[in-house]
PDB file of all heavy atoms in Angstrom:
ATOM      1  N   VAL A   1     -10.235   0.373   8.089  1.00  0.00           N
ATOM      2  CA  VAL A   1     -10.912   0.181   6.809  1.00  0.00           C
ATOM      3  C   VAL A   1     -12.321   0.726   6.983  1.00  0.00           C
ATOM      4  O   VAL A   1     -13.282  -0.011   7.231  1.00  0.00           O
ATOM      5  CB  VAL A   1     -10.921  -1.302   6.390  1.00  0.00           C
ATOM      6  CG1 VAL A   1     -11.487  -1.450   4.975  1.00  0.00           C
ATOM      7  CG2 VAL A   1      -9.524  -1.900   6.455  1.00  0.00           C
ATOM      8  N   ALA A   2     -12.442   2.022   6.896  1.00  0.00           N
ATOM      9  CA  ALA A   2     -13.704   2.720   7.152  1.00  0.00           C
ATOM     10  C   ALA A   2     -13.553   4.149   6.678  1.00  0.00           C
ATOM     11  O   ALA A   2     -12.490   4.566   6.205  1.00  0.00           O
ATOM     12  CB  ALA A   2     -14.059   2.663   8.638  1.00  0.00           C
ATOM     13  N   GLU A   3     -14.625   4.925   6.828  1.00  0.00           N
ATOM     14  CA  GLU A   3     -14.585   6.322   6.427  1.00  0.00           C
ATOM     15  C   GLU A   3     -13.729   7.119   7.407  1.00  0.00           C
ATOM     16  O   GLU A   3     -13.645   6.805   8.589  1.00  0.00           O
ATOM     17  CB  GLU A   3     -16.002   6.903   6.382  1.00  0.00           C
ATOM     18  CG  GLU A   3     -16.869   6.334   5.275  1.00  0.00           C
ATOM     19  CD  GLU A   3     -16.307   6.617   3.892  1.00  0.00           C
ATOM     20  OE1 GLU A   3     -15.836   7.754   3.661  1.00  0.00           O
ATOM     21  OE2 GLU A   3     -16.314   5.694   3.058  1.00  0.00           O
ATOM     22  N   GLY A   4     -13.114   8.198   6.912  1.00  0.00           N
ATOM     23  CA  GLY A   4     -12.361   9.099   7.758  1.00  0.00           C
ATOM     24  C   GLY A   4     -10.888   8.753   7.842  1.00  0.00           C
ATOM     25  O   GLY A   4     -10.441   7.690   7.391  1.00  0.00           O
ATOM     26  N   PHE A   5     -10.129   9.665   8.437  1.00  0.00           N
ATOM     27  CA  PHE A   5      -8.691   9.499   8.619  1.00  0.00           C
ATOM     28  C   PHE A   5      -8.419   9.273  10.105  1.00  0.00           C
ATOM     29  O   PHE A   5      -8.749  10.115  10.938  1.00  0.00           O
ATOM     30  CB  PHE A   5      -7.941  10.736   8.110  1.00  0.00           C
ATOM     31  CG  PHE A   5      -8.036  10.912   6.626  1.00  0.00           C
ATOM     32  CD1 PHE A   5      -9.097  11.594   6.066  1.00  0.00           C
ATOM     33  CD2 PHE A   5      -7.069  10.374   5.791  1.00  0.00           C
ATOM     34  CE1 PHE A   5      -9.202  11.751   4.694  1.00  0.00           C
ATOM     35  CE2 PHE A   5      -7.161  10.523   4.414  1.00  0.00           C
ATOM     36  CZ  PHE A   5      -8.233  11.213   3.863  1.00  0.00           C
ATOM     37  N   PRO A   6      -7.826   8.129  10.470  1.00  0.00           N
ATOM     38  CA  PRO A   6      -7.735   7.735  11.884  1.00  0.00           C
ATOM     39  C   PRO A   6      -6.483   8.251  12.583  1.00  0.00           C
ATOM     40  O   PRO A   6      -5.361   8.083  12.081  1.00  0.00           O
ATOM     41  CB  PRO A   6      -7.704   6.211  11.803  1.00  0.00           C
ATOM     42  CG  PRO A   6      -6.986   5.941  10.510  1.00  0.00           C
ATOM     43  CD  PRO A   6      -7.361   7.054   9.570  1.00  0.00           C
ATOM     44  N   LEU A   7      -6.645   8.849  13.742  1.00  0.00           N
ATOM     45  CA  LEU A   7      -5.504   9.212  14.571  1.00  0.00           C
ATOM     46  C   LEU A   7      -4.807   7.946  15.050  1.00  0.00           C
ATOM     47  O   LEU A   7      -5.444   7.052  15.606  1.00  0.00           O
ATOM     48  CB  LEU A   7      -5.968  10.023  15.782  1.00  0.00           C
ATOM     49  CG  LEU A   7      -6.294  11.499  15.555  1.00  0.00           C
ATOM     50  CD1 LEU A   7      -7.030  12.055  16.757  1.00  0.00           C
ATOM     51  CD2 LEU A   7      -5.018  12.289  15.299  1.00  0.00           C
ATOM     52  N   GLY A   8      -3.504   7.839  14.824  1.00  0.00           N
ATOM     53  CA  GLY A   8      -2.721   6.736  15.358  1.00  0.00           C
ATOM     54  C   GLY A   8      -2.864   5.421  14.634  1.00  0.00           C
ATOM     55  O   GLY A   8      -2.403   4.389  15.127  1.00  0.00           O
ATOM     56  N   ALA A   9      -3.502   5.390  13.470  1.00  0.00           N
ATOM     57  CA  ALA A   9      -3.692   4.131  12.744  1.00  0.00           C
ATOM     58  C   ALA A   9      -3.391   4.355  11.266  1.00  0.00           C
ATOM     59  O   ALA A   9      -3.039   5.455  10.839  1.00  0.00           O
ATOM     60  CB  ALA A   9      -5.122   3.609  12.924  1.00  0.00           C
ATOM     61  N   THR A  10      -3.517   3.279  10.477  1.00  0.00           N
ATOM     62  CA  THR A  10      -3.305   3.358   9.036  1.00  0.00           C
ATOM     63  C   THR A  10      -4.640   3.445   8.322  1.00  0.00           C
ATOM     64  O   THR A  10      -5.524   2.611   8.542  1.00  0.00           O
ATOM     65  CB  THR A  10      -2.554   2.119   8.522  1.00  0.00           C
ATOM     66  OG1 THR A  10      -1.256   2.084   9.103  1.00  0.00           O
ATOM     67  CG2 THR A  10      -2.405   2.145   7.008  1.00  0.00           C
ATOM     68  N   LYS A  11      -4.787   4.444   7.490  1.00  0.00           N
ATOM     69  CA  LYS A  11      -5.969   4.560   6.638  1.00  0.00           C
ATOM     70  C   LYS A  11      -5.769   3.649   5.430  1.00  0.00           C
ATOM     71  O   LYS A  11      -4.870   3.857   4.606  1.00  0.00           O
ATOM     72  CB  LYS A  11      -6.144   6.010   6.196  1.00  0.00           C
ATOM     73  CG  LYS A  11      -7.138   6.214   5.064  1.00  0.00           C
ATOM     74  CD  LYS A  11      -8.562   5.949   5.507  1.00  0.00           C
ATOM     75  CE  LYS A  11      -9.545   6.295   4.371  1.00  0.00           C
ATOM     76  NZ  LYS A  11     -10.935   6.041   4.765  1.00  0.00           N
ATOM     77  N   THR A  12      -6.595   2.604   5.341  1.00  0.00           N
ATOM     78  CA  THR A  12      -6.403   1.589   4.302  1.00  0.00           C
ATOM     79  C   THR A  12      -7.680   1.393   3.504  1.00  0.00           C
ATOM     80  O   THR A  12      -8.778   1.440   4.053  1.00  0.00           O
ATOM     81  CB  THR A  12      -5.996   0.246   4.923  1.00  0.00           C
ATOM     82  OG1 THR A  12      -4.882   0.439   5.786  1.00  0.00           O
ATOM     83  CG2 THR A  12      -5.599  -0.756   3.848  1.00  0.00           C
ATOM     84  N   ARG A  13      -7.513   1.191   2.228  1.00  0.00           N
ATOM     85  CA  ARG A  13      -8.631   0.822   1.358  1.00  0.00           C
ATOM     86  C   ARG A  13      -8.331  -0.531   0.718  1.00  0.00           C
ATOM     87  O   ARG A  13      -7.181  -0.953   0.631  1.00  0.00           O
ATOM     88  CB  ARG A  13      -8.837   1.866   0.261  1.00  0.00           C
ATOM     89  CG  ARG A  13      -9.267   3.236   0.764  1.00  0.00           C
ATOM     90  CD  ARG A  13      -9.555   4.153  -0.436  1.00  0.00           C
ATOM     91  NE  ARG A  13     -10.039   5.454  -0.027  1.00  0.00           N
ATOM     92  CZ  ARG A  13      -9.262   6.490   0.228  1.00  0.00           C
ATOM     93  NH1 ARG A  13      -7.939   6.355   0.117  1.00  0.00           N
ATOM     94  NH2 ARG A  13      -9.771   7.652   0.592  1.00  0.00           N
ATOM     95  N   VAL A  14      -9.386  -1.175   0.240  1.00  0.00           N
ATOM     96  CA  VAL A  14      -9.214  -2.459  -0.436  1.00  0.00           C
ATOM     97  C   VAL A  14      -8.255  -2.319  -1.614  1.00  0.00           C
ATOM     98  O   VAL A  14      -7.424  -3.201  -1.874  1.00  0.00           O
ATOM     99  CB  VAL A  14     -10.575  -3.009  -0.900  1.00  0.00           C
ATOM    100  CG1 VAL A  14     -10.376  -4.248  -1.773  1.00  0.00           C
ATOM    101  CG2 VAL A  14     -11.459  -3.334   0.294  1.00  0.00           C
ATOM    102  N   GLU A  15      -8.325  -1.183  -2.317  1.00  0.00           N
ATOM    103  CA  GLU A  15      -7.462  -0.975  -3.477  1.00  0.00           C
ATOM    104  C   GLU A  15      -5.988  -1.011  -3.086  1.00  0.00           C
ATOM    105  O   GLU A  15      -5.139  -1.488  -3.846  1.00  0.00           O
ATOM    106  CB  GLU A  15      -7.796   0.361  -4.146  1.00  0.00           C
ATOM    107  CG  GLU A  15      -9.165   0.423  -4.811  1.00  0.00           C
ATOM    108  CD  GLU A  15     -10.289   0.630  -3.801  1.00  0.00           C
ATOM    109  OE1 GLU A  15      -9.989   0.985  -2.632  1.00  0.00           O
ATOM    110  OE2 GLU A  15     -11.460   0.415  -4.178  1.00  0.00           O
ATOM    111  N   SER A  16      -5.670  -0.498  -1.883  1.00  0.00           N
ATOM    112  CA  SER A  16      -4.274  -0.521  -1.430  1.00  0.00           C
ATOM    113  C   SER A  16      -3.811  -1.946  -1.191  1.00  0.00           C
ATOM    114  O   SER A  16      -2.668  -2.304  -1.503  1.00  0.00           O
ATOM    115  CB  SER A  16      -4.138   0.296  -0.143  1.00  0.00           C
ATOM    116  OG  SER A  16      -4.423   1.655  -0.374  1.00  0.00           O
ATOM    117  N   TYR A  17      -4.674  -2.769  -0.620  1.00  0.00           N
ATOM    118  CA  TYR A  17      -4.324  -4.168  -0.413  1.00  0.00           C
ATOM    119  C   TYR A  17      -4.071  -4.860  -1.751  1.00  0.00           C
ATOM    120  O   TYR A  17      -3.091  -5.595  -1.922  1.00  0.00           O
ATOM    121  CB  TYR A  17      -5.445  -4.891   0.316  1.00  0.00           C
ATOM    122  CG  TYR A  17      -5.531  -4.616   1.794  1.00  0.00           C
ATOM    123  CD1 TYR A  17      -6.744  -4.272   2.380  1.00  0.00           C
ATOM    124  CD2 TYR A  17      -4.406  -4.731   2.606  1.00  0.00           C
ATOM    125  CE1 TYR A  17      -6.833  -4.044   3.753  1.00  0.00           C
ATOM    126  CE2 TYR A  17      -4.485  -4.502   3.966  1.00  0.00           C
ATOM    127  CZ  TYR A  17      -5.703  -4.160   4.539  1.00  0.00           C
ATOM    128  OH  TYR A  17      -5.781  -3.940   5.889  1.00  0.00           O
ATOM    129  N   ARG A  18      -4.962  -4.651  -2.709  1.00  0.00           N
ATOM    130  CA  ARG A  18      -4.819  -5.325  -3.999  1.00  0.00           C
ATOM    131  C   ARG A  18      -3.567  -4.856  -4.735  1.00  0.00           C
ATOM    132  O   ARG A  18      -2.901  -5.640  -5.408  1.00  0.00           O
ATOM    133  CB  ARG A  18      -6.060  -5.083  -4.856  1.00  0.00           C
ATOM    134  CG  ARG A  18      -7.300  -5.834  -4.360  1.00  0.00           C
ATOM    135  CD  ARG A  18      -8.462  -5.653  -5.309  1.00  0.00           C
ATOM    136  NE  ARG A  18      -9.615  -6.435  -4.897  1.00  0.00           N
ATOM    137  CZ  ARG A  18      -9.803  -7.710  -5.205  1.00  0.00           C
ATOM    138  NH1 ARG A  18      -8.896  -8.335  -5.936  1.00  0.00           N
ATOM    139  NH2 ARG A  18     -10.873  -8.356  -4.796  1.00  0.00           N
ATOM    140  N   ARG A  19      -3.261  -3.573  -4.589  1.00  0.00           N
ATOM    141  CA  ARG A  19      -2.087  -3.041  -5.277  1.00  0.00           C
ATOM    142  C   ARG A  19      -0.813  -3.697  -4.766  1.00  0.00           C
ATOM    143  O   ARG A  19       0.165  -3.840  -5.490  1.00  0.00           O
ATOM    144  CB  ARG A  19      -2.041  -1.526  -5.087  1.00  0.00           C
ATOM    145  CG  ARG A  19      -1.137  -0.816  -6.085  1.00  0.00           C
ATOM    146  CD  ARG A  19      -1.288   0.688  -5.940  1.00  0.00           C
ATOM    147  NE  ARG A  19      -2.596   1.132  -6.368  1.00  0.00           N
ATOM    148  CZ  ARG A  19      -3.270   2.128  -5.800  1.00  0.00           C
ATOM    149  NH1 ARG A  19      -2.754   2.765  -4.760  1.00  0.00           N
ATOM    150  NH2 ARG A  19      -4.440   2.481  -6.261  1.00  0.00           N
ATOM    151  N   ARG A  20      -0.832  -4.102  -3.492  1.00  0.00           N
ATOM    152  CA  ARG A  20       0.328  -4.794  -2.916  1.00  0.00           C
ATOM    153  C   ARG A  20       0.680  -6.026  -3.741  1.00  0.00           C
ATOM    154  O   ARG A  20       1.855  -6.344  -3.954  1.00  0.00           O
ATOM    155  CB  ARG A  20       0.009  -5.206  -1.478  1.00  0.00           C
ATOM    156  CG  ARG A  20       1.066  -6.027  -0.795  1.00  0.00           C
ATOM    157  CD  ARG A  20       0.517  -6.744   0.426  1.00  0.00           C
ATOM    158  NE  ARG A  20      -0.056  -5.839   1.399  1.00  0.00           N
ATOM    159  CZ  ARG A  20      -0.671  -6.255   2.518  1.00  0.00           C
ATOM    160  NH1 ARG A  20      -0.791  -7.536   2.768  1.00  0.00           N
ATOM    161  NH2 ARG A  20      -1.172  -5.383   3.363  1.00  0.00           N
ATOM    162  N   LEU A  21      -0.347  -6.741  -4.206  1.00  0.00           N
ATOM    163  CA  LEU A  21      -0.122  -7.973  -4.960  1.00  0.00           C
ATOM    164  C   LEU A  21       0.374  -7.695  -6.365  1.00  0.00           C
ATOM    165  O   LEU A  21       0.966  -8.567  -7.004  1.00  0.00           O
ATOM    166  CB  LEU A  21      -1.424  -8.775  -5.039  1.00  0.00           C
ATOM    167  CG  LEU A  21      -2.067  -9.150  -3.704  1.00  0.00           C
ATOM    168  CD1 LEU A  21      -3.397  -9.823  -3.958  1.00  0.00           C
ATOM    169  CD2 LEU A  21      -1.147 -10.044  -2.896  1.00  0.00           C
ATOM    170  N   GLU A  22       0.131  -6.496  -6.856  1.00  0.00           N
ATOM    171  CA  GLU A  22       0.496  -6.154  -8.230  1.00  0.00           C
ATOM    172  C   GLU A  22       1.881  -5.540  -8.331  1.00  0.00           C
ATOM    173  O   GLU A  22       2.333  -5.194  -9.425  1.00  0.00           O
ATOM    174  CB  GLU A  22      -0.540  -5.174  -8.800  1.00  0.00           C
ATOM    175  CG  GLU A  22      -1.951  -5.749  -8.842  1.00  0.00           C
ATOM    176  CD  GLU A  22      -3.002  -4.682  -9.082  1.00  0.00           C
ATOM    177  OE1 GLU A  22      -2.618  -3.485  -9.201  1.00  0.00           O
ATOM    178  OE2 GLU A  22      -4.189  -5.029  -9.138  1.00  0.00           O
ATOM    179  N   ARG A  23       2.554  -5.370  -7.179  1.00  0.00           N
ATOM    180  CA  ARG A  23       3.866  -4.740  -7.214  1.00  0.00           C
ATOM    181  C   ARG A  23       4.810  -5.585  -8.074  1.00  0.00           C
ATOM    182  O   ARG A  23       5.023  -6.764  -7.811  1.00  0.00           O
ATOM    183  CB  ARG A  23       4.431  -4.604  -5.802  1.00  0.00           C
ATOM    184  CG  ARG A  23       5.646  -3.683  -5.733  1.00  0.00           C
ATOM    185  CD  ARG A  23       6.138  -3.512  -4.312  1.00  0.00           C
ATOM    186  NE  ARG A  23       7.173  -2.490  -4.236  1.00  0.00           N
ATOM    187  CZ  ARG A  23       7.919  -2.267  -3.171  1.00  0.00           C
ATOM    188  NH1 ARG A  23       7.741  -3.001  -2.081  1.00  0.00           N
ATOM    189  NH2 ARG A  23       8.841  -1.323  -3.180  1.00  0.00           N
ATOM    190  N   PRO A  24       5.398  -5.009  -9.121  1.00  0.00           N
ATOM    191  CA  PRO A  24       6.198  -5.815 -10.056  1.00  0.00           C
ATOM    192  C   PRO A  24       7.531  -6.216  -9.453  1.00  0.00           C
ATOM    193  O   PRO A  24       8.034  -5.599  -8.506  1.00  0.00           O
ATOM    194  CB  PRO A  24       6.394  -4.866 -11.246  1.00  0.00           C
ATOM    195  CG  PRO A  24       6.317  -3.496 -10.646  1.00  0.00           C
ATOM    196  CD  PRO A  24       5.321  -3.593  -9.527  1.00  0.00           C
ATOM    197  N   ALA A  25       8.104  -7.263 -10.018  1.00  0.00           N
ATOM    198  CA  ALA A  25       9.456  -7.658  -9.621  1.00  0.00           C
ATOM    199  C   ALA A  25      10.430  -6.567 -10.021  1.00  0.00           C
ATOM    200  O   ALA A  25      10.275  -5.903 -11.040  1.00  0.00           O
ATOM    201  CB  ALA A  25       9.835  -8.977 -10.292  1.00  0.00           C
ATOM    202  N   ARG A  26      11.447  -6.383  -9.211  1.00  0.00           N
ATOM    203  CA  ARG A  26      12.424  -5.330  -9.462  1.00  0.00           C
ATOM    204  C   ARG A  26      13.519  -5.845 -10.387  1.00  0.00           C
ATOM    205  O   ARG A  26      13.983  -6.960 -10.245  1.00  0.00           O
ATOM    206  CB  ARG A  26      13.049  -4.858  -8.147  1.00  0.00           C
ATOM    207  CG  ARG A  26      12.046  -4.327  -7.148  1.00  0.00           C
ATOM    208  CD  ARG A  26      12.763  -3.927  -5.876  1.00  0.00           C
ATOM    209  NE  ARG A  26      13.866  -3.035  -6.166  1.00  0.00           N
ATOM    210  CZ  ARG A  26      13.749  -1.724  -6.318  1.00  0.00           C
ATOM    211  NH1 ARG A  26      12.575  -1.170  -6.185  1.00  0.00           N
ATOM    212  NH2 ARG A  26      14.790  -0.973  -6.588  1.00  0.00           N
ATOM    213  N   GLU A  27      13.922  -5.008 -11.307  1.00  0.00           N
ATOM    214  CA  GLU A  27      15.001  -5.378 -12.214  1.00  0.00           C
ATOM    215  C   GLU A  27      16.347  -4.912 -11.692  1.00  0.00           C
ATOM    216  O   GLU A  27      17.372  -5.510 -11.974  1.00  0.00           O
ATOM    217  CB  GLU A  27      14.738  -4.786 -13.606  1.00  0.00           C
ATOM    218  CG  GLU A  27      13.496  -5.374 -14.271  1.00  0.00           C
ATOM    219  CD  GLU A  27      13.288  -4.816 -15.661  1.00  0.00           C
ATOM    220  OE1 GLU A  27      14.126  -3.994 -16.099  1.00  0.00           O
ATOM    221  OE2 GLU A  27      12.298  -5.205 -16.307  1.00  0.00           O
ATOM    222  N   GLN A  28      16.371  -3.833 -10.929  1.00  0.00           N
ATOM    223  CA  GLN A  28      17.637  -3.314 -10.420  1.00  0.00           C
ATOM    224  C   GLN A  28      17.804  -3.700  -8.957  1.00  0.00           C
ATOM    225  O   GLN A  28      16.853  -3.988  -8.264  1.00  0.00           O
ATOM    226  CB  GLN A  28      17.712  -1.787 -10.577  1.00  0.00           C
ATOM    227  CG  GLN A  28      16.920  -0.994  -9.539  1.00  0.00           C
ATOM    228  CD  GLN A  28      15.464  -0.823  -9.918  1.00  0.00           C
ATOM    229  OE1 GLN A  28      14.949  -1.554 -10.741  1.00  0.00           O
ATOM    230  NE2 GLN A  28      14.813   0.129  -9.289  1.00  0.00           N
ATOM    231  N   GLY A  29      19.043  -3.712  -8.501  1.00  0.00           N
ATOM    232  CA  GLY A  29      19.313  -4.070  -7.127  1.00  0.00           C
ATOM    233  C   GLY A  29      19.269  -2.893  -6.174  1.00  0.00           C
ATOM    234  O   GLY A  29      19.249  -3.073  -4.975  1.00  0.00           O
ATOM    235  N   SER A  30      19.270  -1.668  -6.703  1.00  0.00           N
ATOM    236  CA  SER A  30      19.340  -0.494  -5.836  1.00  0.00           C
ATOM    237  C   SER A  30      17.948   0.025  -5.501  1.00  0.00           C
ATOM    238  O   SER A  30      16.975  -0.242  -6.198  1.00  0.00           O
ATOM    239  CB  SER A  30      20.162   0.608  -6.501  1.00  0.00           C
ATOM    240  OG  SER A  30      19.542   1.025  -7.697  1.00  0.00           O
ATOM    241  N   ILE A  31      17.875   0.788  -4.420  1.00  0.00           N
ATOM    242  CA  ILE A  31      16.649   1.440  -3.991  1.00  0.00           C
ATOM    243  C   ILE A  31      16.752   2.911  -4.393  1.00  0.00           C
ATOM    244  O   ILE A  31      17.714   3.596  -4.046  1.00  0.00           O
ATOM    245  CB  ILE A  31      16.479   1.342  -2.467  1.00  0.00           C
ATOM    246  CG1 ILE A  31      16.457  -0.121  -2.022  1.00  0.00           C
ATOM    247  CG2 ILE A  31      15.219   2.058  -2.019  1.00  0.00           C
ATOM    248  CD1 ILE A  31      15.279  -0.899  -2.499  1.00  0.00           C
ATOM    249  N   SER A  32      15.774   3.409  -5.136  1.00  0.00           N
ATOM    250  CA  SER A  32      15.808   4.805  -5.577  1.00  0.00           C
ATOM    251  C   SER A  32      15.032   5.677  -4.596  1.00  0.00           C
ATOM    252  O   SER A  32      13.893   5.378  -4.244  1.00  0.00           O
ATOM    253  CB  SER A  32      15.226   4.935  -6.984  1.00  0.00           C
ATOM    254  OG  SER A  32      13.905   4.439  -7.032  1.00  0.00           O
TER     255      SER A  32
END
Protein backbone atom coordinates (compact mmCIF):
# COMPACT_ATOMS: atom_id res chain seq x y z
CA VAL A 1 0.00 0.00 0.00
CA ALA A 2 2.40 2.62 -1.32
CA GLU A 3 3.61 4.24 -4.51
CA GLY A 4 4.99 2.07 -7.30
CA PHE A 5 4.45 -1.47 -8.55
CA PRO A 6 6.06 -4.10 -6.28
CA LEU A 7 8.02 -7.11 -7.50
CA GLY A 8 6.58 -10.25 -5.90
CA ALA A 9 3.73 -8.53 -4.03
CA THR A 10 0.20 -7.21 -4.57
CA LYS A 11 -0.26 -3.59 -5.54
CA THR A 12 -3.24 -2.52 -3.43
CA ARG A 13 -5.13 0.70 -2.92
CA VAL A 14 -7.73 1.60 -0.32
CA GLU A 15 -10.31 1.74 -3.12
CA SER A 16 -9.66 -1.94 -3.91
CA TYR A 17 -10.30 -2.90 -0.30
CA ARG A 18 -13.54 -0.93 -0.18
CA ARG A 19 -14.72 -2.37 -3.47
CA ARG A 20 -14.42 -5.83 -1.94
CA LEU A 21 -17.23 -4.92 0.46
CA GLU A 22 -19.43 -3.64 -2.36
CA ARG A 23 -19.32 -6.85 -4.38
CA PRO A 24 -23.01 -7.68 -4.99
CA ALA A 25 -24.66 -10.97 -4.21
CA ARG A 26 -24.72 -13.29 -7.19
CA GLU A 27 -28.02 -14.23 -8.77
CA GLN A 28 -26.71 -17.08 -10.92
CA GLY A 29 -24.94 -20.21 -9.77
CA SER A 30 -22.42 -20.34 -12.61
CA ILE A 31 -19.07 -18.61 -12.96
CA SER A 32 -18.68 -16.65 -16.21
